[in-house]
Amino acid sequence: MSIGEKELLLFIKELGHLLEDHKRCENKRVKKEIYQDILLLSDVIDPNKE
C-alpha cells in the first residue's frame, strides 16, 4: 500500500513532533514508548529502508 503526498507530509510532521517529545522526555518508560512510535512511523514513511 502506498501513501499519498498529503499523508506523507502529515506523517513527517508528526515524526518531527515525536522526535522533539523524545528529546525532552525525562521518563524512561515514556521515552521508550515514544521511540517505538518513531520506529513505527518511520516504517510507514519508508517501508523499504534497511
PDB file of N, CA and C in Angstrom:
ATOM      1  N   MET A   1       0.843  -1.180   0.000  1.00  0.00           N
ATOM      2  CA  MET A   1       0.000   0.000   0.000  1.00  0.00           C
ATOM      3  C   MET A   1       0.884   1.237   0.000  1.00  0.00           C
ATOM      4  N   SER A   2       0.537   2.159  -0.837  1.00  0.00           N
ATOM      5  CA  SER A   2       1.302   3.399  -0.949  1.00  0.00           C
ATOM      6  C   SER A   2       0.506   4.531  -0.317  1.00  0.00           C
ATOM      7  N   ILE A   3       1.219   5.421   0.349  1.00  0.00           N
ATOM      8  CA  ILE A   3       0.547   6.560   0.962  1.00  0.00           C
ATOM      9  C   ILE A   3       0.652   7.757   0.028  1.00  0.00           C
ATOM     10  N   GLY A   4      -0.329   8.642   0.108  1.00  0.00           N
ATOM     11  CA  GLY A   4      -0.356   9.828  -0.734  1.00  0.00           C
ATOM     12  C   GLY A   4       0.564  10.910  -0.201  1.00  0.00           C
ATOM     13  N   GLU A   5       0.745  11.930  -1.025  1.00  0.00           N
ATOM     14  CA  GLU A   5       1.644  13.025  -0.662  1.00  0.00           C
ATOM     15  C   GLU A   5       1.168  13.763   0.590  1.00  0.00           C
ATOM     16  N   LYS A   6      -0.147  13.994   0.702  1.00  0.00           N
ATOM     17  CA  LYS A   6      -0.687  14.696   1.880  1.00  0.00           C
ATOM     18  C   LYS A   6      -0.436  13.895   3.152  1.00  0.00           C
ATOM     19  N   GLU A   7      -0.670  12.587   3.060  1.00  0.00           N
ATOM     20  CA  GLU A   7      -0.444  11.730   4.224  1.00  0.00           C
ATOM     21  C   GLU A   7       1.026  11.703   4.593  1.00  0.00           C
ATOM     22  N   LEU A   8       1.881  11.628   3.581  1.00  0.00           N
ATOM     23  CA  LEU A   8       3.320  11.611   3.820  1.00  0.00           C
ATOM     24  C   LEU A   8       3.761  12.865   4.564  1.00  0.00           C
ATOM     25  N   LEU A   9       3.257  14.019   4.138  1.00  0.00           N
ATOM     26  CA  LEU A   9       3.617  15.270   4.808  1.00  0.00           C
ATOM     27  C   LEU A   9       3.131  15.288   6.255  1.00  0.00           C
ATOM     28  N   LEU A  10       1.933  14.763   6.486  1.00  0.00           N
ATOM     29  CA  LEU A  10       1.416  14.683   7.863  1.00  0.00           C
ATOM     30  C   LEU A  10       2.272  13.760   8.721  1.00  0.00           C
ATOM     31  N   PHE A  11       2.663  12.623   8.162  1.00  0.00           N
ATOM     32  CA  PHE A  11       3.494  11.673   8.907  1.00  0.00           C
ATOM     33  C   PHE A  11       4.858  12.268   9.220  1.00  0.00           C
ATOM     34  N   ILE A  12       5.432  12.983   8.280  1.00  0.00           N
ATOM     35  CA  ILE A  12       6.739  13.613   8.517  1.00  0.00           C
ATOM     36  C   ILE A  12       6.623  14.674   9.600  1.00  0.00           C
ATOM     37  N   LYS A  13       5.545  15.454   9.558  1.00  0.00           N
ATOM     38  CA  LYS A  13       5.322  16.478  10.590  1.00  0.00           C
ATOM     39  C   LYS A  13       5.182  15.823  11.965  1.00  0.00           C
ATOM     40  N   GLU A  14       4.404  14.745  12.036  1.00  0.00           N
ATOM     41  CA  GLU A  14       4.218  14.039  13.306  1.00  0.00           C
ATOM     42  C   GLU A  14       5.528  13.424  13.780  1.00  0.00           C
ATOM     43  N   LEU A  15       6.328  12.922  12.856  1.00  0.00           N
ATOM     44  CA  LEU A  15       7.630  12.372  13.217  1.00  0.00           C
ATOM     45  C   LEU A  15       8.490  13.447  13.883  1.00  0.00           C
ATOM     46  N   GLY A  16       8.445  14.655  13.358  1.00  0.00           N
ATOM     47  CA  GLY A  16       9.173  15.767  13.971  1.00  0.00           C
ATOM     48  C   GLY A  16       8.700  16.037  15.391  1.00  0.00           C
ATOM     49  N   HIS A  17       7.375  15.995  15.596  1.00  0.00           N
ATOM     50  CA  HIS A  17       6.833  16.195  16.948  1.00  0.00           C
ATOM     51  C   HIS A  17       7.304  15.091  17.893  1.00  0.00           C
ATOM     52  N   LEU A  18       7.287  13.863  17.411  1.00  0.00           N
ATOM     53  CA  LEU A  18       7.736  12.743  18.244  1.00  0.00           C
ATOM     54  C   LEU A  18       9.215  12.866  18.599  1.00  0.00           C
ATOM     55  N   LEU A  19      10.027  13.290  17.643  1.00  0.00           N
ATOM     56  CA  LEU A  19      11.451  13.458  17.918  1.00  0.00           C
ATOM     57  C   LEU A  19      11.677  14.527  18.985  1.00  0.00           C
ATOM     58  N   GLU A  20      10.934  15.626  18.912  1.00  0.00           N
ATOM     59  CA  GLU A  20      11.042  16.674  19.934  1.00  0.00           C
ATOM     60  C   GLU A  20      10.580  16.152  21.291  1.00  0.00           C
ATOM     61  N   ASP A  21       9.461  15.432  21.309  1.00  0.00           N
ATOM     62  CA  ASP A  21       8.954  14.856  22.561  1.00  0.00           C
ATOM     63  C   ASP A  21       9.985  13.902  23.161  1.00  0.00           C
ATOM     64  N   HIS A  22      10.604  13.086  22.323  1.00  0.00           N
ATOM     65  CA  HIS A  22      11.601  12.123  22.785  1.00  0.00           C
ATOM     66  C   HIS A  22      12.795  12.846  23.395  1.00  0.00           C
ATOM     67  N   LYS A  23      13.222  13.913  22.750  1.00  0.00           N
ATOM     68  CA  LYS A  23      14.378  14.659  23.237  1.00  0.00           C
ATOM     69  C   LYS A  23      14.107  15.303  24.602  1.00  0.00           C
ATOM     70  N   ARG A  24      12.878  15.776  24.808  1.00  0.00           N
ATOM     71  CA  ARG A  24      12.536  16.477  26.053  1.00  0.00           C
ATOM     72  C   ARG A  24      12.089  15.554  27.178  1.00  0.00           C
ATOM     73  N   CYS A  25      11.699  14.333  26.858  1.00  0.00           N
ATOM     74  CA  CYS A  25      11.106  13.434  27.851  1.00  0.00           C
ATOM     75  C   CYS A  25      12.143  12.978  28.879  1.00  0.00           C
ATOM     76  N   GLU A  26      11.738  13.009  30.136  1.00  0.00           N
ATOM     77  CA  GLU A  26      12.620  12.590  31.216  1.00  0.00           C
ATOM     78  C   GLU A  26      12.224  11.229  31.797  1.00  0.00           C
ATOM     79  N   ASN A  27      11.032  10.761  31.467  1.00  0.00           N
ATOM     80  CA  ASN A  27      10.545   9.475  31.956  1.00  0.00           C
ATOM     81  C   ASN A  27      11.022   8.376  31.012  1.00  0.00           C
ATOM     82  N   LYS A  28      11.836   7.463  31.522  1.00  0.00           N
ATOM     83  CA  LYS A  28      12.436   6.427  30.665  1.00  0.00           C
ATOM     84  C   LYS A  28      11.394   5.538  29.995  1.00  0.00           C
ATOM     85  N   ARG A  29      10.340   5.200  30.698  1.00  0.00           N
ATOM     86  CA  ARG A  29       9.307   4.330  30.132  1.00  0.00           C
ATOM     87  C   ARG A  29       8.583   5.032  28.986  1.00  0.00           C
ATOM     88  N   VAL A  30       8.211   6.277  29.221  1.00  0.00           N
ATOM     89  CA  VAL A  30       7.517   7.049  28.188  1.00  0.00           C
ATOM     90  C   VAL A  30       8.451   7.310  27.007  1.00  0.00           C
ATOM     91  N   LYS A  31       9.711   7.597  27.307  1.00  0.00           N
ATOM     92  CA  LYS A  31      10.693   7.850  26.256  1.00  0.00           C
ATOM     93  C   LYS A  31      10.837   6.619  25.355  1.00  0.00           C
ATOM     94  N   LYS A  32      10.813   5.433  25.955  1.00  0.00           N
ATOM     95  CA  LYS A  32      10.906   4.195  25.186  1.00  0.00           C
ATOM     96  C   LYS A  32       9.672   4.017  24.300  1.00  0.00           C
ATOM     97  N   GLU A  33       8.498   4.356  24.829  1.00  0.00           N
ATOM     98  CA  GLU A  33       7.264   4.251  24.047  1.00  0.00           C
ATOM     99  C   GLU A  33       7.277   5.235  22.874  1.00  0.00           C
ATOM    100  N   ILE A  34       7.766   6.439  23.118  1.00  0.00           N
ATOM    101  CA  ILE A  34       7.873   7.424  22.038  1.00  0.00           C
ATOM    102  C   ILE A  34       8.818   6.908  20.967  1.00  0.00           C
ATOM    103  N   TYR A  35       9.926   6.298  21.377  1.00  0.00           N
ATOM    104  CA  TYR A  35      10.894   5.755  20.428  1.00  0.00           C
ATOM    105  C   TYR A  35      10.254   4.663  19.572  1.00  0.00           C
ATOM    106  N   GLN A  36       9.438   3.815  20.185  1.00  0.00           N
ATOM    107  CA  GLN A  36       8.747   2.774  19.428  1.00  0.00           C
ATOM    108  C   GLN A  36       7.798   3.393  18.400  1.00  0.00           C
ATOM    109  N   ASP A  37       7.112   4.475  18.786  1.00  0.00           N
ATOM    110  CA  ASP A  37       6.241   5.179  17.847  1.00  0.00           C
ATOM    111  C   ASP A  37       7.047   5.772  16.698  1.00  0.00           C
ATOM    112  N   ILE A  38       8.234   6.289  16.998  1.00  0.00           N
ATOM    113  CA  ILE A  38       9.110   6.835  15.960  1.00  0.00           C
ATOM    114  C   ILE A  38       9.486   5.743  14.967  1.00  0.00           C
ATOM    115  N   LEU A  39       9.828   4.565  15.468  1.00  0.00           N
ATOM    116  CA  LEU A  39      10.185   3.452  14.587  1.00  0.00           C
ATOM    117  C   LEU A  39       9.011   3.027  13.711  1.00  0.00           C
ATOM    118  N   LEU A  40       7.830   2.935  14.304  1.00  0.00           N
ATOM    119  CA  LEU A  40       6.648   2.537  13.538  1.00  0.00           C
ATOM    120  C   LEU A  40       6.323   3.552  12.449  1.00  0.00           C
ATOM    121  N   LEU A  41       6.350   4.819  12.800  1.00  0.00           N
ATOM    122  CA  LEU A  41       6.043   5.860  11.831  1.00  0.00           C
ATOM    123  C   LEU A  41       7.107   5.932  10.745  1.00  0.00           C
ATOM    124  N   SER A  42       8.350   5.714  11.112  1.00  0.00           N
ATOM    125  CA  SER A  42       9.430   5.688  10.127  1.00  0.00           C
ATOM    126  C   SER A  42       9.207   4.567   9.120  1.00  0.00           C
ATOM    127  N   ASP A  43       8.705   3.441   9.596  1.00  0.00           N
ATOM    128  CA  ASP A  43       8.440   2.310   8.711  1.00  0.00           C
ATOM    129  C   ASP A  43       7.285   2.625   7.753  1.00  0.00           C
ATOM    130  N   VAL A  44       6.307   3.383   8.210  1.00  0.00           N
ATOM    131  CA  VAL A  44       5.201   3.784   7.340  1.00  0.00           C
ATOM    132  C   VAL A  44       5.707   4.748   6.265  1.00  0.00           C
ATOM    133  N   ILE A  45       6.566   5.675   6.663  1.00  0.00           N
ATOM    134  CA  ILE A  45       7.104   6.666   5.728  1.00  0.00           C
ATOM    135  C   ILE A  45       7.994   6.011   4.696  1.00  0.00           C
ATOM    136  N   ASP A  46       8.859   5.094   5.128  1.00  0.00           N
ATOM    137  CA  ASP A  46       9.789   4.437   4.208  1.00  0.00           C
ATOM    138  C   ASP A  46       9.857   2.944   4.518  1.00  0.00           C
ATOM    139  N   PRO A  47       8.884   2.175   4.015  1.00  0.00           N
ATOM    140  CA  PRO A  47       8.836   0.742   4.355  1.00  0.00           C
ATOM    141  C   PRO A  47       9.985  -0.078   3.761  1.00  0.00           C
ATOM    142  N   ASN A  48      10.718   0.455   2.814  1.00  0.00           N
ATOM    143  CA  ASN A  48      11.796  -0.288   2.157  1.00  0.00           C
ATOM    144  C   ASN A  48      13.172   0.009   2.730  1.00  0.00           C
ATOM    145  N   LYS A  49      13.215   0.770   3.824  1.00  0.00           N
ATOM    146  CA  LYS A  49      14.523   1.097   4.407  1.00  0.00           C
ATOM    147  C   LYS A  49      15.162  -0.150   5.005  1.00  0.00           C
ATOM    148  N   GLU A  50      16.456  -0.122   5.103  1.00  0.00           N
ATOM    149  CA  GLU A  50      17.183  -1.275   5.669  1.00  0.00           C
ATOM    150  C   GLU A  50      17.377  -1.104   7.142  1.00  0.00           C
TER     151      GLU A  50
END
